[in-house]
N, C-alpha and C. Protein backbone atom coordinates (compact mmCIF):
# COMPACT_ATOMS: atom_id res chain seq x y z
N MET A 1 19.46 -14.31 9.36
CA MET A 1 19.89 -13.70 8.12
C MET A 1 18.85 -13.93 7.02
N ARG A 2 18.27 -15.15 7.01
CA ARG A 2 17.27 -15.46 5.98
C ARG A 2 16.05 -14.54 6.10
N MET A 3 15.67 -14.25 7.34
CA MET A 3 14.52 -13.37 7.57
C MET A 3 14.82 -11.95 7.09
N LEU A 4 16.00 -11.46 7.38
CA LEU A 4 16.40 -10.13 6.95
C LEU A 4 16.41 -10.01 5.43
N VAL A 5 16.95 -10.99 4.75
CA VAL A 5 16.97 -10.97 3.27
C VAL A 5 15.54 -11.01 2.73
N GLY A 6 14.68 -11.82 3.34
CA GLY A 6 13.29 -11.88 2.92
C GLY A 6 12.59 -10.54 3.08
N VAL A 7 12.82 -9.87 4.20
CA VAL A 7 12.23 -8.55 4.43
C VAL A 7 12.74 -7.54 3.42
N MET A 8 14.03 -7.61 3.12
CA MET A 8 14.63 -6.68 2.15
C MET A 8 14.05 -6.86 0.74
N VAL A 9 13.97 -8.10 0.31
CA VAL A 9 13.44 -8.38 -1.03
C VAL A 9 11.96 -8.01 -1.10
N ALA A 10 11.19 -8.46 -0.12
CA ALA A 10 9.76 -8.14 -0.12
C ALA A 10 9.53 -6.65 0.02
N GLY A 11 10.39 -5.97 0.81
CA GLY A 11 10.28 -4.52 0.96
C GLY A 11 10.49 -3.79 -0.36
N ALA A 12 11.46 -4.25 -1.13
CA ALA A 12 11.70 -3.63 -2.45
C ALA A 12 10.49 -3.82 -3.35
N LEU A 13 9.91 -5.00 -3.30
CA LEU A 13 8.71 -5.25 -4.13
C LEU A 13 7.52 -4.38 -3.65
N GLY A 14 7.35 -4.29 -2.35
CA GLY A 14 6.26 -3.46 -1.82
C GLY A 14 6.40 -1.99 -2.21
N ALA A 15 7.64 -1.48 -2.17
CA ALA A 15 7.88 -0.08 -2.56
C ALA A 15 7.58 0.10 -4.04
N ALA A 16 7.95 -0.86 -4.86
CA ALA A 16 7.72 -0.75 -6.30
C ALA A 16 6.22 -0.80 -6.60
N VAL A 17 5.50 -1.68 -5.93
CA VAL A 17 4.05 -1.78 -6.15
C VAL A 17 3.37 -0.49 -5.68
N ARG A 18 3.81 0.03 -4.54
CA ARG A 18 3.23 1.30 -4.05
C ARG A 18 3.44 2.42 -5.08
N TYR A 19 4.65 2.54 -5.56
CA TYR A 19 4.99 3.56 -6.54
C TYR A 19 4.10 3.40 -7.80
N GLY A 20 3.96 2.17 -8.26
CA GLY A 20 3.16 1.92 -9.46
C GLY A 20 1.70 2.25 -9.26
N LEU A 21 1.09 1.75 -8.17
CA LEU A 21 -0.32 1.99 -7.93
C LEU A 21 -0.61 3.46 -7.71
N ASP A 22 0.22 4.10 -6.93
CA ASP A 22 0.05 5.55 -6.68
C ASP A 22 0.07 6.31 -8.00
N GLY A 23 1.02 5.96 -8.87
CA GLY A 23 1.12 6.64 -10.16
C GLY A 23 -0.08 6.42 -11.03
N VAL A 24 -0.57 5.19 -11.12
CA VAL A 24 -1.73 4.86 -11.95
C VAL A 24 -2.96 5.63 -11.46
N VAL A 25 -3.22 5.55 -10.17
CA VAL A 25 -4.40 6.22 -9.60
C VAL A 25 -4.28 7.73 -9.75
N SER A 26 -3.12 8.29 -9.48
CA SER A 26 -2.94 9.74 -9.57
C SER A 26 -3.10 10.27 -11.00
N ARG A 27 -2.70 9.47 -11.97
CA ARG A 27 -2.90 9.88 -13.38
C ARG A 27 -4.36 9.82 -13.78
N ARG A 28 -5.07 8.84 -13.25
CA ARG A 28 -6.49 8.69 -13.60
C ARG A 28 -7.40 9.65 -12.84
N LEU A 29 -6.96 10.07 -11.66
CA LEU A 29 -7.75 10.97 -10.83
C LEU A 29 -6.90 12.18 -10.43
N PRO A 30 -6.56 13.03 -11.38
CA PRO A 30 -5.69 14.18 -11.05
C PRO A 30 -6.44 15.20 -10.19
N GLY A 31 -5.69 16.00 -9.52
CA GLY A 31 -6.27 17.03 -8.68
C GLY A 31 -5.48 17.21 -7.40
N ALA A 32 -6.00 18.04 -6.53
CA ALA A 32 -5.29 18.36 -5.29
C ALA A 32 -5.35 17.24 -4.26
N PHE A 33 -6.42 16.43 -4.29
CA PHE A 33 -6.55 15.37 -3.29
C PHE A 33 -5.64 14.21 -3.66
N PRO A 34 -4.92 13.66 -2.69
CA PRO A 34 -3.97 12.56 -2.96
C PRO A 34 -4.65 11.20 -3.07
N TRP A 35 -5.40 11.00 -4.16
CA TRP A 35 -6.15 9.75 -4.36
C TRP A 35 -5.22 8.54 -4.40
N GLY A 36 -4.04 8.69 -4.97
CA GLY A 36 -3.12 7.57 -5.06
C GLY A 36 -2.70 7.10 -3.68
N THR A 37 -2.38 8.02 -2.80
CA THR A 37 -2.00 7.66 -1.44
C THR A 37 -3.16 7.01 -0.70
N LEU A 38 -4.36 7.55 -0.87
CA LEU A 38 -5.53 6.97 -0.24
C LEU A 38 -5.74 5.52 -0.73
N ALA A 39 -5.61 5.31 -2.03
CA ALA A 39 -5.76 3.97 -2.58
C ALA A 39 -4.72 3.01 -2.01
N VAL A 40 -3.49 3.46 -1.89
CA VAL A 40 -2.43 2.63 -1.32
C VAL A 40 -2.72 2.32 0.15
N ASN A 41 -3.08 3.33 0.94
CA ASN A 41 -3.33 3.11 2.36
C ASN A 41 -4.51 2.17 2.61
N LEU A 42 -5.61 2.38 1.87
CA LEU A 42 -6.78 1.53 2.08
C LEU A 42 -6.54 0.11 1.58
N SER A 43 -5.90 -0.02 0.43
CA SER A 43 -5.61 -1.38 -0.07
C SER A 43 -4.60 -2.07 0.84
N GLY A 44 -3.66 -1.32 1.40
CA GLY A 44 -2.71 -1.89 2.35
C GLY A 44 -3.40 -2.38 3.61
N CYS A 45 -4.39 -1.63 4.08
CA CYS A 45 -5.16 -2.06 5.25
C CYS A 45 -5.91 -3.35 4.96
N LEU A 46 -6.54 -3.41 3.80
CA LEU A 46 -7.24 -4.64 3.40
C LEU A 46 -6.26 -5.82 3.32
N LEU A 47 -5.13 -5.59 2.66
CA LEU A 47 -4.12 -6.65 2.51
C LEU A 47 -3.54 -7.11 3.83
N VAL A 48 -3.22 -6.17 4.73
CA VAL A 48 -2.63 -6.58 6.00
C VAL A 48 -3.61 -7.38 6.84
N GLY A 49 -4.88 -6.98 6.82
CA GLY A 49 -5.88 -7.75 7.56
C GLY A 49 -6.05 -9.14 6.98
N LEU A 50 -6.15 -9.22 5.66
CA LEU A 50 -6.32 -10.49 4.97
C LEU A 50 -5.10 -11.39 5.16
N LEU A 51 -3.92 -10.88 4.86
CA LEU A 51 -2.71 -11.70 4.90
C LEU A 51 -2.33 -12.08 6.33
N TYR A 52 -2.46 -11.18 7.26
CA TYR A 52 -2.13 -11.50 8.65
C TYR A 52 -3.01 -12.65 9.15
N THR A 53 -4.29 -12.55 8.88
CA THR A 53 -5.22 -13.58 9.33
C THR A 53 -4.91 -14.91 8.65
N LEU A 54 -4.68 -14.88 7.34
CA LEU A 54 -4.39 -16.12 6.62
C LEU A 54 -3.07 -16.74 7.06
N LEU A 55 -2.02 -15.90 7.19
CA LEU A 55 -0.71 -16.43 7.49
C LEU A 55 -0.48 -16.80 8.96
N VAL A 56 -1.26 -16.20 9.87
CA VAL A 56 -1.09 -16.47 11.29
C VAL A 56 -2.17 -17.42 11.81
N ASP A 57 -3.42 -17.09 11.54
CA ASP A 57 -4.52 -17.85 12.12
C ASP A 57 -4.91 -19.08 11.32
N ARG A 58 -4.90 -18.96 10.00
CA ARG A 58 -5.44 -20.03 9.20
C ARG A 58 -4.41 -21.06 8.77
N PHE A 59 -3.25 -20.62 8.27
CA PHE A 59 -2.32 -21.54 7.64
C PHE A 59 -1.02 -21.79 8.40
N ARG A 60 -0.72 -21.00 9.42
CA ARG A 60 0.52 -21.19 10.21
C ARG A 60 1.75 -21.28 9.31
N VAL A 61 2.00 -20.23 8.59
CA VAL A 61 3.11 -20.14 7.65
C VAL A 61 4.42 -19.95 8.38
N ASP A 62 5.51 -20.38 7.79
CA ASP A 62 6.86 -20.20 8.33
C ASP A 62 7.04 -18.73 8.76
N PRO A 63 7.53 -18.49 9.97
CA PRO A 63 7.69 -17.11 10.45
C PRO A 63 8.55 -16.23 9.53
N ALA A 64 9.54 -16.80 8.87
CA ALA A 64 10.36 -15.97 7.96
C ALA A 64 9.56 -15.47 6.78
N LEU A 65 8.70 -16.33 6.23
CA LEU A 65 7.85 -15.92 5.11
C LEU A 65 6.81 -14.93 5.58
N ARG A 66 6.20 -15.21 6.73
CA ARG A 66 5.20 -14.29 7.27
C ARG A 66 5.80 -12.90 7.53
N THR A 67 6.98 -12.86 8.08
CA THR A 67 7.65 -11.60 8.36
C THR A 67 7.99 -10.87 7.06
N ALA A 68 8.47 -11.60 6.08
CA ALA A 68 8.78 -10.99 4.78
C ALA A 68 7.55 -10.37 4.17
N VAL A 69 6.44 -11.06 4.23
CA VAL A 69 5.21 -10.56 3.61
C VAL A 69 4.63 -9.37 4.40
N ILE A 70 4.48 -9.55 5.71
CA ILE A 70 3.82 -8.52 6.51
C ILE A 70 4.74 -7.30 6.75
N VAL A 71 5.94 -7.56 7.26
CA VAL A 71 6.85 -6.45 7.58
C VAL A 71 7.51 -5.90 6.32
N GLY A 72 7.99 -6.81 5.46
CA GLY A 72 8.68 -6.37 4.25
C GLY A 72 7.75 -5.76 3.23
N PHE A 73 6.90 -6.61 2.63
CA PHE A 73 6.06 -6.15 1.53
C PHE A 73 5.03 -5.12 1.99
N ILE A 74 4.17 -5.51 2.94
CA ILE A 74 3.10 -4.61 3.36
C ILE A 74 3.67 -3.39 4.08
N GLY A 75 4.67 -3.62 4.92
CA GLY A 75 5.29 -2.49 5.63
C GLY A 75 5.92 -1.48 4.70
N SER A 76 6.48 -1.95 3.62
CA SER A 76 7.04 -1.04 2.63
C SER A 76 5.96 -0.42 1.76
N TYR A 77 4.95 -1.21 1.48
CA TYR A 77 3.82 -0.74 0.67
C TYR A 77 3.12 0.40 1.37
N THR A 78 2.86 0.24 2.68
CA THR A 78 2.24 1.31 3.47
C THR A 78 2.39 1.03 4.94
N THR A 79 2.88 1.98 5.71
CA THR A 79 2.96 1.79 7.16
C THR A 79 1.62 2.12 7.82
N PHE A 80 0.75 2.80 7.09
CA PHE A 80 -0.58 3.10 7.62
C PHE A 80 -1.32 1.82 7.96
N SER A 81 -1.14 0.79 7.15
CA SER A 81 -1.81 -0.47 7.40
C SER A 81 -1.35 -1.08 8.71
N THR A 82 -0.09 -0.95 9.04
CA THR A 82 0.44 -1.47 10.30
C THR A 82 -0.20 -0.71 11.47
N LEU A 83 -0.30 0.58 11.37
CA LEU A 83 -0.96 1.39 12.39
C LEU A 83 -2.38 0.90 12.61
N MET A 84 -3.10 0.66 11.52
CA MET A 84 -4.50 0.24 11.62
C MET A 84 -4.61 -1.19 12.19
N LEU A 85 -3.69 -2.07 11.79
CA LEU A 85 -3.70 -3.44 12.32
C LEU A 85 -3.47 -3.41 13.83
N GLU A 86 -2.48 -2.66 14.27
CA GLU A 86 -2.17 -2.59 15.69
C GLU A 86 -3.35 -1.99 16.47
N SER A 87 -3.97 -0.97 15.91
CA SER A 87 -5.13 -0.36 16.58
C SER A 87 -6.31 -1.31 16.64
N THR A 88 -6.52 -2.06 15.57
CA THR A 88 -7.60 -3.04 15.53
C THR A 88 -7.37 -4.15 16.54
N ARG A 89 -6.14 -4.60 16.64
CA ARG A 89 -5.84 -5.67 17.62
C ARG A 89 -6.06 -5.16 19.05
N LEU A 90 -5.76 -3.90 19.30
CA LEU A 90 -6.04 -3.32 20.63
C LEU A 90 -7.55 -3.28 20.87
N LEU A 91 -8.34 -2.93 19.85
CA LEU A 91 -9.79 -2.95 19.97
C LEU A 91 -10.31 -4.36 20.24
N GLN A 92 -9.77 -5.33 19.53
CA GLN A 92 -10.18 -6.72 19.73
C GLN A 92 -9.85 -7.18 21.16
N ASP A 93 -8.80 -6.65 21.73
CA ASP A 93 -8.43 -6.98 23.11
C ASP A 93 -9.19 -6.13 24.14
N ARG A 94 -10.12 -5.31 23.62
CA ARG A 94 -10.93 -4.40 24.43
C ARG A 94 -10.09 -3.34 25.13
N SER A 95 -8.98 -3.01 24.55
CA SER A 95 -8.12 -1.94 25.06
C SER A 95 -8.47 -0.66 24.28
N TYR A 96 -9.70 -0.17 24.53
CA TYR A 96 -10.25 0.92 23.74
C TYR A 96 -9.46 2.21 23.88
N ALA A 97 -9.04 2.53 25.08
CA ALA A 97 -8.27 3.77 25.26
C ALA A 97 -6.93 3.69 24.55
N LEU A 98 -6.27 2.53 24.61
CA LEU A 98 -5.00 2.37 23.93
C LEU A 98 -5.17 2.42 22.40
N ALA A 99 -6.26 1.83 21.90
CA ALA A 99 -6.53 1.85 20.47
C ALA A 99 -6.74 3.30 20.00
N LEU A 100 -7.53 4.05 20.74
CA LEU A 100 -7.79 5.43 20.39
C LEU A 100 -6.50 6.25 20.49
N ALA A 101 -5.74 6.03 21.54
CA ALA A 101 -4.48 6.77 21.71
C ALA A 101 -3.52 6.45 20.56
N ASN A 102 -3.45 5.19 20.16
CA ASN A 102 -2.57 4.80 19.07
C ASN A 102 -2.98 5.44 17.75
N ALA A 103 -4.23 5.31 17.40
CA ALA A 103 -4.71 5.83 16.11
C ALA A 103 -4.70 7.37 16.10
N ALA A 104 -5.39 7.96 17.07
CA ALA A 104 -5.49 9.43 17.10
C ALA A 104 -4.12 10.06 17.37
N GLY A 105 -3.39 9.46 18.30
CA GLY A 105 -2.06 9.99 18.60
C GLY A 105 -1.14 9.97 17.40
N SER A 106 -1.19 8.88 16.65
CA SER A 106 -0.33 8.79 15.45
C SER A 106 -0.70 9.86 14.43
N VAL A 107 -1.99 10.06 14.24
CA VAL A 107 -2.42 11.06 13.26
C VAL A 107 -2.07 12.47 13.74
N VAL A 108 -2.48 12.81 14.95
CA VAL A 108 -2.25 14.17 15.45
C VAL A 108 -0.75 14.45 15.61
N LEU A 109 -0.02 13.53 16.25
CA LEU A 109 1.41 13.73 16.43
C LEU A 109 2.15 13.68 15.09
N GLY A 110 1.67 12.86 14.17
CA GLY A 110 2.26 12.82 12.84
C GLY A 110 2.11 14.16 12.13
N LEU A 111 0.94 14.76 12.22
CA LEU A 111 0.74 16.09 11.62
C LEU A 111 1.66 17.12 12.25
N LEU A 112 1.78 17.06 13.57
CA LEU A 112 2.68 17.98 14.27
C LEU A 112 4.13 17.74 13.89
N ALA A 113 4.54 16.48 13.76
CA ALA A 113 5.93 16.17 13.39
C ALA A 113 6.24 16.64 11.98
N VAL A 114 5.30 16.45 11.05
CA VAL A 114 5.51 16.94 9.69
C VAL A 114 5.62 18.47 9.70
N SER A 115 4.76 19.11 10.43
CA SER A 115 4.81 20.59 10.53
C SER A 115 6.12 21.05 11.14
N ALA A 116 6.58 20.36 12.17
CA ALA A 116 7.85 20.70 12.81
C ALA A 116 9.00 20.51 11.83
N GLY A 117 8.96 19.43 11.07
CA GLY A 117 9.99 19.20 10.05
C GLY A 117 10.03 20.29 9.02
N ILE A 118 8.86 20.74 8.59
CA ILE A 118 8.76 21.82 7.60
C ILE A 118 9.36 23.11 8.19
N LEU A 119 8.95 23.42 9.41
CA LEU A 119 9.48 24.63 10.06
C LEU A 119 10.98 24.56 10.24
N LEU A 120 11.48 23.39 10.64
CA LEU A 120 12.92 23.22 10.81
C LEU A 120 13.65 23.38 9.50
N ALA A 121 13.12 22.79 8.44
CA ALA A 121 13.78 22.89 7.14
C ALA A 121 13.78 24.33 6.65
N ARG A 122 12.71 25.06 6.89
CA ARG A 122 12.64 26.46 6.46
C ARG A 122 13.58 27.35 7.28
N ALA A 123 13.85 26.95 8.52
CA ALA A 123 14.76 27.73 9.38
C ALA A 123 16.21 27.52 9.05
N LEU A 124 16.55 26.46 8.34
CA LEU A 124 17.95 26.16 8.01
C LEU A 124 18.47 27.05 6.90
């Protein structure tokens, strides 16, 4: 139960920070390109790599806190960072085909899923 509450609280904070950063960047760099989303995704990748390594490899933090930070905060902040972490770990394990399948598959299938959702919504 403690872990679930930690994930929920950290998730709310991650969502708020994402909303805030996206808004700040989008106001400063207006236009058609989603600069705010790019800033969130790239900073999330940096954060997940940094925090995962610190909390797992370096400091051995309580699993409930680690889960709250990685799954709750970072996961809510951006799921792209999780995709990149998982793909990087596959590369580190020399599972090159799986890493490529995970990264490319998520992007390509994600584009197809969004397109399918749009088509479905328009058909309703």
